[in-house]
Amino acid sequence: MVRRLKSSKATAPAGNQTDILKQAQDMQKRMLEIQEELKGKELEASVGGGAVTIKVNGQKELLSVKLSDDILKEAQEDKEMLEDLILSAVKEAMRQADELAEGEMNKVTGGVSIPGLF
């Protein structure tokens, strides 16, 4: 048999629970708005003295890849170098996008880490 113990504290009034639910809904709405705004923000990473330039948006969607004529000529002899430069530029652009998204979400969450958010 399980007995309920009387608590010395009164349970939270229904109004407080409603307020918490409303705050959570407002936070969720604002987070969705931020995700939409991130689509419109562009970030650019350039490596190799501008030989490779990558553009992504705030949602980590790749928008463009630009390669200089010089790097294309060099790539004929050293393909691995070009591959490494492209990879480095993409990683940097994605890091910038992560940083931007994290900063924007921290404005909403107050710096509280929410697993699986970004």
C-alpha atoms as a PDB file:
ATOM      1  CA  MET A   1       0.000   0.000   0.000  1.00  0.00           C
ATOM      2  CA  VAL A   2       1.362   3.413  -0.986  1.00  0.00           C
ATOM      3  CA  ARG A   3       0.470   6.431   1.060  1.00  0.00           C
ATOM      4  CA  ARG A   4       0.830   9.987   0.005  1.00  0.00           C
ATOM      5  CA  LEU A   5       2.677  12.187   2.389  1.00  0.00           C
ATOM      6  CA  LYS A   6       1.357  15.609   3.099  1.00  0.00           C
ATOM      7  CA  SER A   7       3.768  18.216   1.933  1.00  0.00           C
ATOM      8  CA  SER A   8       4.516  21.203   4.061  1.00  0.00           C
ATOM      9  CA  LYS A   9       4.482  23.300   0.915  1.00  0.00           C
ATOM     10  CA  ALA A  10       1.330  23.914  -1.024  1.00  0.00           C
ATOM     11  CA  THR A  11       1.392  22.762  -4.616  1.00  0.00           C
ATOM     12  CA  ALA A  12       1.970  25.420  -7.230  1.00  0.00           C
ATOM     13  CA  PRO A  13      -1.180  27.224  -8.223  1.00  0.00           C
ATOM     14  CA  ALA A  14      -2.520  26.414 -11.653  1.00  0.00           C
ATOM     15  CA  GLY A  15      -1.669  29.953 -12.755  1.00  0.00           C
ATOM     16  CA  ASN A  16       2.057  29.307 -12.279  1.00  0.00           C
ATOM     17  CA  GLN A  17       1.886  26.162 -14.372  1.00  0.00           C
ATOM     18  CA  THR A  18       0.059  28.084 -17.072  1.00  0.00           C
ATOM     19  CA  ASP A  19       2.711  30.811 -16.937  1.00  0.00           C
ATOM     20  CA  ILE A  20       5.508  28.250 -17.284  1.00  0.00           C
ATOM     21  CA  LEU A  21       3.752  26.620 -20.241  1.00  0.00           C
ATOM     22  CA  LYS A  22       3.229  30.019 -21.882  1.00  0.00           C
ATOM     23  CA  GLN A  23       6.916  30.895 -21.380  1.00  0.00           C
ATOM     24  CA  ALA A  24       7.971  27.579 -22.920  1.00  0.00           C
ATOM     25  CA  GLN A  25       5.683  28.156 -25.910  1.00  0.00           C
ATOM     26  CA  ASP A  26       7.033  31.695 -26.347  1.00  0.00           C
ATOM     27  CA  MET A  27      10.596  30.366 -26.182  1.00  0.00           C
ATOM     28  CA  GLN A  28       9.819  27.676 -28.759  1.00  0.00           C
ATOM     29  CA  LYS A  29       8.223  30.253 -31.060  1.00  0.00           C
ATOM     30  CA  ARG A  30      11.247  32.561 -30.745  1.00  0.00           C
ATOM     31  CA  MET A  31      13.635  29.669 -31.436  1.00  0.00           C
ATOM     32  CA  LEU A  32      11.752  28.823 -34.637  1.00  0.00           C
ATOM     33  CA  GLU A  33      11.950  32.480 -35.677  1.00  0.00           C
ATOM     34  CA  ILE A  34      15.701  32.468 -35.080  1.00  0.00           C
ATOM     35  CA  GLN A  35      16.102  29.321 -37.167  1.00  0.00           C
ATOM     36  CA  GLU A  36      14.315  31.082 -40.033  1.00  0.00           C
ATOM     37  CA  GLU A  37      16.485  34.183 -39.585  1.00  0.00           C
ATOM     38  CA  LEU A  38      19.610  32.029 -39.711  1.00  0.00           C
ATOM     39  CA  LYS A  39      18.672  30.966 -43.247  1.00  0.00           C
ATOM     40  CA  GLY A  40      19.111  34.559 -44.367  1.00  0.00           C
ATOM     41  CA  LYS A  41      22.481  35.119 -42.723  1.00  0.00           C
ATOM     42  CA  GLU A  42      25.505  34.328 -44.853  1.00  0.00           C
ATOM     43  CA  LEU A  43      28.957  33.437 -43.600  1.00  0.00           C
ATOM     44  CA  GLU A  44      32.126  33.208 -45.631  1.00  0.00           C
ATOM     45  CA  ALA A  45      35.371  31.362 -45.008  1.00  0.00           C
ATOM     46  CA  SER A  46      38.442  31.801 -47.136  1.00  0.00           C
ATOM     47  CA  VAL A  47      41.682  29.820 -47.011  1.00  0.00           C
ATOM     48  CA  GLY A  48      44.932  29.742 -48.936  1.00  0.00           C
ATOM     49  CA  GLY A  49      45.059  33.528 -49.261  1.00  0.00           C
ATOM     50  CA  GLY A  50      41.666  33.585 -50.956  1.00  0.00           C
ATOM     51  CA  ALA A  51      42.375  30.578 -53.171  1.00  0.00           C
ATOM     52  CA  VAL A  52      39.252  28.819 -51.848  1.00  0.00           C
ATOM     53  CA  THR A  53      36.195  30.678 -50.590  1.00  0.00           C
ATOM     54  CA  ILE A  54      33.126  28.959 -49.171  1.00  0.00           C
ATOM     55  CA  LYS A  55      29.776  30.579 -48.365  1.00  0.00           C
ATOM     56  CA  VAL A  56      27.196  29.009 -46.070  1.00  0.00           C
ATOM     57  CA  ASN A  57      24.084  30.305 -44.371  1.00  0.00           C
ATOM     58  CA  GLY A  58      23.361  30.229 -40.656  1.00  0.00           C
ATOM     59  CA  GLN A  59      21.711  26.831 -41.028  1.00  0.00           C
ATOM     60  CA  LYS A  60      24.914  25.340 -42.449  1.00  0.00           C
ATOM     61  CA  GLU A  61      23.593  25.082 -45.995  1.00  0.00           C
ATOM     62  CA  LEU A  62      26.405  25.379 -48.521  1.00  0.00           C
ATOM     63  CA  LEU A  63      25.682  28.337 -50.820  1.00  0.00           C
ATOM     64  CA  SER A  64      28.798  28.640 -52.959  1.00  0.00           C
ATOM     65  CA  VAL A  65      32.341  27.435 -53.570  1.00  0.00           C
ATOM     66  CA  LYS A  66      34.797  29.709 -55.344  1.00  0.00           C
ATOM     67  CA  LEU A  67      38.236  28.630 -56.508  1.00  0.00           C
ATOM     68  CA  SER A  68      40.865  31.012 -57.826  1.00  0.00           C
ATOM     69  CA  ASP A  69      42.350  30.405 -61.262  1.00  0.00           C
ATOM     70  CA  ASP A  70      45.788  30.031 -59.701  1.00  0.00           C
ATOM     71  CA  ILE A  71      44.689  27.242 -57.370  1.00  0.00           C
ATOM     72  CA  LEU A  72      43.067  25.399 -60.261  1.00  0.00           C
ATOM     73  CA  LYS A  73      46.342  25.485 -62.175  1.00  0.00           C
ATOM     74  CA  GLU A  74      48.248  24.250 -59.130  1.00  0.00           C
ATOM     75  CA  ALA A  75      45.673  21.521 -58.549  1.00  0.00           C
ATOM     76  CA  GLN A  76      46.594  19.876 -61.822  1.00  0.00           C
ATOM     77  CA  GLU A  77      49.872  18.877 -60.168  1.00  0.00           C
ATOM     78  CA  ASP A  78      48.727  18.658 -56.540  1.00  0.00           C
ATOM     79  CA  LYS A  79      45.106  17.537 -56.292  1.00  0.00           C
ATOM     80  CA  GLU A  80      45.402  16.687 -52.567  1.00  0.00           C
ATOM     81  CA  MET A  81      46.347  20.274 -51.747  1.00  0.00           C
ATOM     82  CA  LEU A  82      43.130  21.576 -53.325  1.00  0.00           C
ATOM     83  CA  GLU A  83      41.081  18.930 -51.541  1.00  0.00           C
ATOM     84  CA  ASP A  84      42.653  19.934 -48.208  1.00  0.00           C
ATOM     85  CA  LEU A  85      41.991  23.627 -48.832  1.00  0.00           C
ATOM     86  CA  ILE A  86      38.345  22.975 -49.706  1.00  0.00           C
ATOM     87  CA  LEU A  87      37.898  20.815 -46.628  1.00  0.00           C
ATOM     88  CA  SER A  88      39.505  23.453 -44.398  1.00  0.00           C
ATOM     89  CA  ALA A  89      37.306  26.210 -45.795  1.00  0.00           C
ATOM     90  CA  VAL A  90      34.132  24.145 -45.372  1.00  0.00           C
ATOM     91  CA  LYS A  91      35.044  23.251 -41.776  1.00  0.00           C
ATOM     92  CA  GLU A  92      35.718  26.901 -40.959  1.00  0.00           C
ATOM     93  CA  ALA A  93      32.446  28.062 -42.520  1.00  0.00           C
ATOM     94  CA  MET A  94      30.523  25.401 -40.591  1.00  0.00           C
ATOM     95  CA  ARG A  95      32.288  26.402 -37.363  1.00  0.00           C
ATOM     96  CA  GLN A  96      31.234  29.999 -37.947  1.00  0.00           C
ATOM     97  CA  ALA A  97      27.644  28.897 -38.599  1.00  0.00           C
ATOM     98  CA  ASP A  98      27.634  26.855 -35.372  1.00  0.00           C
ATOM     99  CA  GLU A  99      28.991  29.819 -33.437  1.00  0.00           C
ATOM    100  CA  LEU A 100      26.368  32.157 -34.912  1.00  0.00           C
ATOM    101  CA  ALA A 101      23.495  29.756 -34.197  1.00  0.00           C
ATOM    102  CA  GLU A 102      24.712  29.134 -30.657  1.00  0.00           C
ATOM    103  CA  GLY A 103      24.978  32.862 -29.981  1.00  0.00           C
ATOM    104  CA  GLU A 104      21.493  33.524 -31.311  1.00  0.00           C
ATOM    105  CA  MET A 105      19.963  30.667 -29.329  1.00  0.00           C
ATOM    106  CA  ASN A 106      21.742  31.772 -26.155  1.00  0.00           C
ATOM    107  CA  LYS A 107      19.805  35.036 -26.411  1.00  0.00           C
ATOM    108  CA  VAL A 108      16.590  33.023 -26.085  1.00  0.00           C
ATOM    109  CA  THR A 109      17.688  30.350 -23.628  1.00  0.00           C
ATOM    110  CA  GLY A 110      19.786  32.625 -21.441  1.00  0.00           C
ATOM    111  CA  GLY A 111      22.822  30.431 -21.994  1.00  0.00           C
ATOM    112  CA  VAL A 112      21.115  27.264 -20.751  1.00  0.00           C
ATOM    113  CA  SER A 113      22.240  24.334 -22.882  1.00  0.00           C
ATOM    114  CA  ILE A 114      19.305  22.411 -24.304  1.00  0.00           C
ATOM    115  CA  PRO A 115      20.432  19.013 -25.620  1.00  0.00           C
ATOM    116  CA  GLY A 116      19.721  18.407 -29.294  1.00  0.00           C
ATOM    117  CA  LEU A 117      18.974  22.054 -30.001  1.00  0.00           C
ATOM    118  CA  PHE A 118      21.968  22.704 -32.246  1.00  0.00           C
END
